[in-house]
């Protein structure tokens, strides 16, 4: 028997909710893809011959921490005020002024949020190029510069595995990696993180991070796919060293037509460096941290695919890219990868040695 429809899942009830709480002339609500949140495209009436007005309705899982949702909302408000040129969604208020609207869900209270809709071509559907990779890097660099001034209380999210800080505990997940070479590389880089990176954490520039700059969260111009025109999904935000954000994004750039490519990673890093220069110490850590993120992607996704085989295709959508990225970094060696970055980039002036 199917569970009863609730305001968090039933399209007719959601449309009625939007009409009552946000815009009385909403015309339709339909499902969009998502991982933890339920996402819906909302269309509004528009004047004749005008493009329809669209929004994205996000309904949280009942287990989501409301403080984490409030952090995402505050982030979008900060960016709207201090970096309005950045192509991120705008957060809208419900009737009465709140950003979060509590509604009944199948397993408890869920929270609904209304965001602006960003048009564009999903990056994973677009042809790749060096100019596009540089644009991805520049977009993250501009975003990180804007977030460096974001002053907000620290929010803990224990359920979020996608945090490089959690590398030591994820060592227990490495046996899930089926490929022996990738598993061995994962063991190596996880060990080096504990040995070489953890002692340096207090010395690294810290801020809030997007933490999920992957091809499914980026939009490019349909006419000119070299240019990023949208950044989506702040649901994996963490506070930590900014170089972690660069490593996460770079881990998705090491693949060219299914083959490993360190040069593609260098393209991305050049774009970031032009917008928000990293220090020499950060650049030296970057290949190791990107390899750690690749190994995280492999062990988390392979383990979850075993647990949830019915959702295997969605879970493993970034697996091949992470596998190629890990190979691109490990086959030449992490020191050689760091040398390649330093040969092509100009480090920022360091305030103190790492």
Protein backbone atom coordinates (compact mmCIF):
# COMPACT_ATOMS: atom_id res chain seq x y z
CA UNK A 1 0.00 0.00 0.00
CA UNK A 2 1.31 3.48 -0.87
CA UNK A 3 1.79 5.89 2.05
CA UNK A 4 -0.83 8.63 2.27
CA UNK A 5 -0.08 11.81 0.34
CA UNK A 6 1.10 14.71 2.48
CA UNK A 7 1.70 18.41 1.82
CA UNK A 8 5.40 17.60 1.40
CA UNK A 9 4.88 15.14 -1.46
CA UNK A 10 1.47 15.68 -3.07
CA UNK A 11 1.61 18.02 -6.07
CA UNK A 12 -1.96 19.28 -5.67
CA UNK A 13 -1.39 20.08 -2.00
CA UNK A 14 1.91 21.77 -2.78
CA UNK A 15 0.26 23.92 -5.45
CA UNK A 16 -2.43 24.93 -2.95
CA UNK A 17 0.29 25.72 -0.40
CA UNK A 18 2.17 27.93 -2.87
CA UNK A 19 -1.01 29.75 -3.82
CA UNK A 20 -1.93 30.39 -0.20
CA UNK A 21 1.52 31.25 1.14
CA UNK A 22 3.47 32.76 -1.74
CA UNK A 23 1.74 33.56 -5.02
CA UNK A 24 -2.00 33.11 -5.65
CA UNK A 25 -1.58 32.80 -9.43
CA UNK A 26 0.77 29.80 -9.47
CA UNK A 27 -0.26 27.49 -12.31
CA UNK A 28 1.69 24.25 -11.80
CA UNK A 29 4.14 22.30 -9.65
CA UNK A 30 6.25 19.40 -10.96
CA UNK A 31 9.08 17.25 -9.62
CA UNK A 32 12.76 17.98 -10.20
CA UNK A 33 15.67 15.70 -9.29
CA UNK A 34 17.45 15.95 -5.95
CA UNK A 35 19.41 13.98 -3.36
CA UNK A 36 18.16 14.89 0.14
CA UNK A 37 15.64 17.64 -0.61
CA UNK A 38 12.51 17.18 -2.66
CA UNK A 39 12.69 19.76 -5.44
CA UNK A 40 9.78 21.12 -7.46
CA UNK A 41 9.51 23.54 -10.38
CA UNK A 42 6.77 26.11 -9.78
CA UNK A 43 5.35 28.10 -12.70
CA UNK A 44 3.43 31.37 -12.38
CA UNK A 45 1.09 33.22 -14.71
CA UNK A 46 2.85 35.67 -17.02
CA UNK A 47 1.63 38.38 -19.40
CA UNK A 48 0.81 37.27 -22.93
CA UNK A 49 3.90 36.41 -25.05
CA UNK A 50 6.16 36.65 -22.01
CA UNK A 51 8.27 33.79 -20.66
CA UNK A 52 6.69 32.02 -17.69
CA UNK A 53 7.85 33.06 -14.24
CA UNK A 54 9.50 30.10 -12.48
CA UNK A 55 10.65 29.29 -8.97
CA UNK A 56 12.11 26.24 -7.25
CA UNK A 57 10.29 24.89 -4.21
CA UNK A 58 12.58 22.87 -1.94
CA UNK A 59 11.09 20.61 0.73
CA UNK A 60 13.58 19.23 3.25
CA UNK A 61 13.77 15.71 4.55
CA UNK A 62 12.21 15.46 8.02
CA UNK A 63 15.64 14.53 9.43
CA UNK A 64 17.30 17.70 8.10
CA UNK A 65 18.66 20.06 10.74
CA UNK A 66 16.67 23.35 10.55
CA UNK A 67 19.84 25.19 11.59
CA UNK A 68 21.57 23.90 8.44
CA UNK A 69 18.68 25.16 6.33
CA UNK A 70 18.85 28.54 8.07
CA UNK A 71 22.59 28.65 7.25
CA UNK A 72 21.85 28.10 3.55
CA UNK A 73 19.22 30.85 3.61
CA UNK A 74 21.56 33.27 5.37
CA UNK A 75 24.27 32.47 2.82
CA UNK A 76 22.00 33.32 -0.10
CA UNK A 77 20.94 36.55 1.61
CA UNK A 78 24.59 37.47 2.20
CA UNK A 79 25.46 36.85 -1.46
CA UNK A 80 22.44 38.80 -2.68
CA UNK A 81 23.56 41.78 -0.61
CA UNK A 82 27.34 41.64 -0.98
CA UNK A 83 27.89 39.88 -4.33
CA UNK A 84 24.72 40.38 -6.40
CA UNK A 85 26.66 39.72 -9.61
CA UNK A 86 27.15 36.05 -8.71
CA UNK A 87 24.74 33.66 -10.48
CA UNK A 88 23.17 32.03 -7.43
CA UNK A 89 19.53 31.55 -6.56
CA UNK A 90 17.67 34.16 -4.53
CA UNK A 91 15.80 33.11 -1.41
CA UNK A 92 12.21 34.35 -1.11
CA UNK A 93 10.06 34.81 1.97
CA UNK A 94 6.74 33.16 2.65
CA UNK A 95 3.67 35.09 3.71
CA UNK A 96 4.51 36.50 7.13
CA UNK A 97 8.20 37.00 6.30
CA UNK A 98 9.75 33.62 7.19
CA UNK A 99 12.19 31.79 4.92
CA UNK A 100 11.24 28.38 6.32
CA UNK A 101 7.68 27.06 6.33
CA UNK A 102 6.99 23.97 8.46
CA UNK A 103 4.68 21.46 6.77
CA UNK A 104 3.67 17.86 7.60
CA UNK A 105 5.69 15.10 5.97
CA UNK A 106 5.35 11.31 5.92
CA UNK A 107 7.90 10.91 8.74
CA UNK A 108 7.59 14.21 10.62
CA UNK A 109 7.87 17.93 10.08
CA UNK A 110 9.50 19.10 6.84
CA UNK A 111 10.53 22.64 5.90
CA UNK A 112 9.67 24.32 2.63
CA UNK A 113 11.74 27.06 1.00
CA UNK A 114 11.09 29.06 -2.16
CA UNK A 115 14.08 29.92 -4.37
CA UNK A 116 14.45 31.71 -7.66
CA UNK A 117 14.90 29.62 -10.80
CA UNK A 118 18.18 29.82 -12.73
CA UNK A 119 18.06 29.03 -16.46
CA UNK A 120 20.95 27.30 -18.14
CA UNK A 121 22.37 24.02 -19.44
CA UNK A 122 23.51 21.54 -16.76
CA UNK A 123 27.29 21.30 -16.91
CA UNK A 124 27.26 17.51 -17.13
CA UNK A 125 25.29 17.78 -20.41
CA UNK A 126 27.57 20.40 -22.00
CA UNK A 127 30.71 19.96 -24.13
CA UNK A 128 33.86 20.55 -22.10
CA UNK A 129 36.74 22.89 -22.92
CA UNK A 130 39.74 24.53 -21.29
CA UNK A 131 37.91 27.87 -21.25
CA UNK A 132 34.96 26.23 -19.48
CA UNK A 133 37.24 24.68 -16.83
CA UNK A 134 38.84 28.06 -16.23
CA UNK A 135 35.37 29.60 -15.92
CA UNK A 136 34.43 26.97 -13.32
CA UNK A 137 37.55 27.84 -11.35
CA UNK A 138 36.93 31.57 -11.64
CA UNK A 139 33.30 31.12 -10.54
CA UNK A 140 34.33 29.22 -7.41
CA UNK A 141 37.08 31.75 -6.71
CA UNK A 142 34.58 34.62 -6.89
CA UNK A 143 32.14 32.73 -4.67
CA UNK A 144 34.81 31.95 -2.07
CA UNK A 145 35.91 35.59 -2.04
CA UNK A 146 32.33 36.62 -1.31
CA UNK A 147 31.92 33.96 1.39
CA UNK A 148 35.17 34.98 3.10
CA UNK A 149 33.24 37.93 4.55
CA UNK A 150 30.25 35.83 5.64
CA UNK A 151 30.09 35.96 9.44
CA UNK A 152 27.67 33.36 10.76
CA UNK A 153 27.69 31.05 13.82
CA UNK A 154 29.20 27.63 13.21
CA UNK A 155 26.60 25.01 12.31
CA UNK A 156 27.37 21.34 12.89
CA UNK A 157 25.98 18.77 10.46
CA UNK A 158 26.94 15.32 11.81
CA UNK A 159 24.93 13.54 9.11
CA UNK A 160 27.03 15.05 6.30
CA UNK A 161 29.76 12.65 5.20
CA UNK A 162 30.91 14.92 2.36
CA UNK A 163 33.37 16.86 4.51
CA UNK A 164 37.11 16.39 4.10
CA UNK A 165 37.46 16.87 7.86
CA UNK A 166 35.83 13.42 8.20
CA UNK A 167 38.56 11.62 6.26
CA UNK A 168 39.88 9.70 9.29
CA UNK A 169 36.53 8.05 10.04
CA UNK A 170 35.94 7.30 6.36
CA UNK A 171 38.99 5.04 6.38
CA UNK A 172 36.56 2.34 7.55
CA UNK A 173 34.66 2.75 4.26
CA UNK A 174 37.66 2.15 1.97
CA UNK A 175 37.08 -1.63 1.66
CA UNK A 176 33.92 -0.80 -0.33
CA UNK A 177 36.10 0.35 -3.27
CA UNK A 178 36.07 -2.59 -5.67
CA UNK A 179 39.12 -1.65 -7.78
CA UNK A 180 42.27 -2.78 -5.92
CA UNK A 181 44.49 0.03 -7.27
CA UNK A 182 41.96 2.75 -6.39
CA UNK A 183 41.51 1.23 -2.94
CA UNK A 184 45.28 1.21 -2.37
CA UNK A 185 45.55 4.84 -3.47
CA UNK A 186 42.66 5.70 -1.15
CA UNK A 187 44.46 4.11 1.79
CA UNK A 188 47.61 6.05 0.91
CA UNK A 189 46.00 9.48 0.59
CA UNK A 190 43.76 9.05 3.63
CA UNK A 191 46.85 8.19 5.66
CA UNK A 192 48.73 11.19 4.31
CA UNK A 193 45.79 13.44 5.19
CA UNK A 194 46.05 12.39 8.83
CA UNK A 195 49.84 12.75 8.82
CA UNK A 196 50.40 15.83 6.64
CA UNK A 197 47.19 17.88 6.62
CA UNK A 198 45.54 17.57 10.02
CA UNK A 199 48.47 19.23 11.87
CA UNK A 200 48.24 22.20 9.46
CA UNK A 201 44.51 22.84 9.75
CA UNK A 202 44.82 25.69 12.30
CA UNK A 203 47.23 27.53 9.97
CA UNK A 204 44.97 27.50 6.88
CA UNK A 205 42.56 30.27 5.89
CA UNK A 206 39.09 29.23 7.13
CA UNK A 207 35.61 30.24 5.98
CA UNK A 208 32.25 28.81 4.93
CA UNK A 209 32.51 26.69 1.77
CA UNK A 210 30.06 25.59 -0.92
CA UNK A 211 31.69 22.13 -0.71
CA UNK A 212 29.89 20.59 -3.69
CA UNK A 213 31.04 22.28 -6.93
CA UNK A 214 30.26 19.24 -9.05
CA UNK A 215 28.90 19.07 -12.63
CA UNK A 216 25.34 18.49 -11.42
CA UNK A 217 25.35 21.73 -9.42
CA UNK A 218 26.59 24.05 -12.17
CA UNK A 219 24.85 25.59 -15.18
CA UNK A 220 26.51 26.95 -18.33
CA UNK A 221 25.18 29.18 -21.09
CA UNK A 222 23.36 27.08 -23.72
CA UNK A 223 24.76 29.25 -26.53
CA UNK A 224 28.25 29.57 -25.06
CA UNK A 225 28.90 26.57 -22.79
CA UNK A 226 32.36 27.89 -21.99
CA UNK A 227 30.79 30.23 -19.41
CA UNK A 228 29.26 29.26 -16.06
CA UNK A 229 25.90 30.98 -15.57
CA UNK A 230 24.51 29.28 -12.47
CA UNK A 231 25.63 27.78 -9.14
CA UNK A 232 23.12 25.55 -7.36
CA UNK A 233 22.67 23.65 -4.10
CA UNK A 234 24.33 24.94 -0.94
CA UNK A 235 23.12 21.89 0.97
CA UNK A 236 26.62 20.49 1.66
CA UNK A 237 28.05 23.68 3.15
CA UNK A 238 30.77 23.32 5.78
CA UNK A 239 33.17 25.63 7.57
CA UNK A 240 36.81 24.85 6.91
CA UNK A 241 39.97 25.71 4.97
CA UNK A 242 39.17 27.40 1.66
CA UNK A 243 41.62 25.03 -0.07
CA UNK A 244 39.13 22.24 0.74
CA UNK A 245 36.58 23.96 -1.52
CA UNK A 246 39.12 24.13 -4.35
CA UNK A 247 40.05 20.47 -3.84
CA UNK A 248 36.42 19.36 -3.99
CA UNK A 249 35.82 21.18 -7.26
CA UNK A 250 39.15 20.12 -8.78
CA UNK A 251 38.39 16.46 -8.06
CA UNK A 252 35.67 16.60 -10.74
CA UNK A 253 37.94 18.11 -13.41
CA UNK A 254 40.48 15.31 -13.95
CA UNK A 255 38.71 13.51 -16.78
CA UNK A 256 38.96 14.04 -20.55
CA UNK A 257 36.76 11.79 -22.72
CA UNK A 258 36.79 9.17 -19.98
CA UNK A 259 40.58 9.29 -19.51
CA UNK A 260 42.62 10.80 -16.65
CA UNK A 261 43.85 14.35 -17.26
CA UNK A 262 46.00 16.30 -14.85
CA UNK A 263 46.10 19.13 -17.40
CA UNK A 264 42.34 19.63 -17.02
CA UNK A 265 42.82 20.09 -13.29
CA UNK A 266 45.49 22.68 -13.98
CA UNK A 267 43.04 24.54 -16.27
CA UNK A 268 40.52 24.72 -13.42
CA UNK A 269 43.15 25.84 -10.90
CA UNK A 270 44.30 28.62 -13.23
CA UNK A 271 40.77 30.02 -13.27
CA UNK A 272 40.49 29.87 -9.51
CA UNK A 273 43.92 31.40 -8.97
CA UNK A 274 43.08 34.36 -11.19
CA UNK A 275 40.00 35.14 -9.09
CA UNK A 276 41.13 34.21 -5.57
CA UNK A 277 44.84 33.33 -5.35
CA UNK A 278 45.93 30.51 -3.10
CA UNK A 279 49.26 30.63 -1.26
CA UNK A 280 52.16 28.36 -2.13
CA UNK A 281 51.39 26.24 0.92
CA UNK A 282 47.78 25.81 -0.14
CA UNK A 283 48.79 24.92 -3.69
CA UNK A 284 51.20 22.29 -2.41
CA UNK A 285 48.39 20.66 -0.42
CA UNK A 286 45.84 20.87 -3.23
CA UNK A 287 46.70 17.65 -5.16
CA UNK A 288 46.62 15.55 -1.98
CA UNK A 289 43.29 17.06 -0.91
CA UNK A 290 41.79 16.57 -4.38
CA UNK A 291 42.93 12.93 -4.30
CA UNK A 292 41.35 12.55 -0.86
CA UNK A 293 38.05 13.89 -2.21
CA UNK A 294 38.21 11.51 -5.20
CA UNK A 295 38.74 8.58 -2.83
CA UNK A 296 35.89 9.84 -0.62
CA UNK A 297 33.60 9.85 -3.65
CA UNK A 298 34.57 6.29 -4.53
CA UNK A 299 34.17 4.78 -1.08
CA UNK A 300 30.97 6.64 -0.14
CA UNK A 301 29.21 6.02 -3.42
CA UNK A 302 30.25 2.37 -3.74
CA UNK A 303 29.16 1.67 -0.16
CA UNK A 304 25.83 3.42 -0.66
CA UNK A 305 25.25 1.63 -3.96
CA UNK A 306 25.58 -1.65 -2.04
CA UNK A 307 23.09 -0.46 0.56
CA UNK A 308 20.62 1.03 -1.92
CA UNK A 309 20.93 -0.93 -5.19
CA UNK A 310 17.60 0.40 -6.44
CA UNK A 311 19.18 3.89 -6.60
CA UNK A 312 22.57 2.73 -7.88
CA UNK A 313 22.61 4.75 -11.11
CA UNK A 314 21.96 8.06 -9.33
CA UNK A 315 24.38 7.30 -6.49
CA UNK A 316 27.23 6.43 -8.87
CA UNK A 317 26.73 9.33 -11.29
CA UNK A 318 30.10 10.93 -10.39
CA UNK A 319 31.99 7.66 -9.83
CA UNK A 320 33.76 7.46 -13.20
CA UNK A 321 34.92 11.07 -13.00
CA UNK A 322 36.28 10.56 -9.48
CA UNK A 323 38.06 7.38 -10.55
CA UNK A 324 39.72 9.19 -13.46
CA UNK A 325 40.62 12.13 -11.23
CA UNK A 326 42.30 9.88 -8.67
CA UNK A 327 44.31 8.19 -11.42
CA UNK A 328 45.29 11.57 -12.93
CA UNK A 329 46.78 12.63 -9.60
CA UNK A 330 48.33 9.36 -8.44
CA UNK A 331 49.92 7.95 -11.59
CA UNK A 332 52.40 10.85 -11.98
CA UNK A 333 52.63 11.20 -8.19
CA UNK A 334 51.32 13.91 -5.88
CA UNK A 335 54.64 15.75 -5.84
CA UNK A 336 54.66 15.92 -9.64
CA UNK A 337 51.07 17.15 -9.59
CA UNK A 338 52.01 19.89 -7.11
CA UNK A 339 54.96 20.86 -9.31
CA UNK A 340 52.64 21.10 -12.33
CA UNK A 341 50.36 23.49 -10.43
CA UNK A 342 53.23 25.65 -9.23
CA UNK A 343 54.71 25.82 -12.76
CA UNK A 344 51.48 27.26 -14.16
CA UNK A 345 50.23 29.38 -11.25
CA UNK A 346 51.49 32.36 -9.30
CA UNK A 347 51.01 31.80 -5.57
CA UNK A 348 49.59 34.56 -3.43
CA UNK A 349 51.87 36.19 -0.93
CA UNK A 350 51.86 34.13 2.27
CA UNK A 351 51.50 35.79 5.63
CA UNK A 352 53.37 32.98 7.33
CA UNK A 353 54.95 29.68 6.37
CA UNK A 354 52.87 26.53 6.51
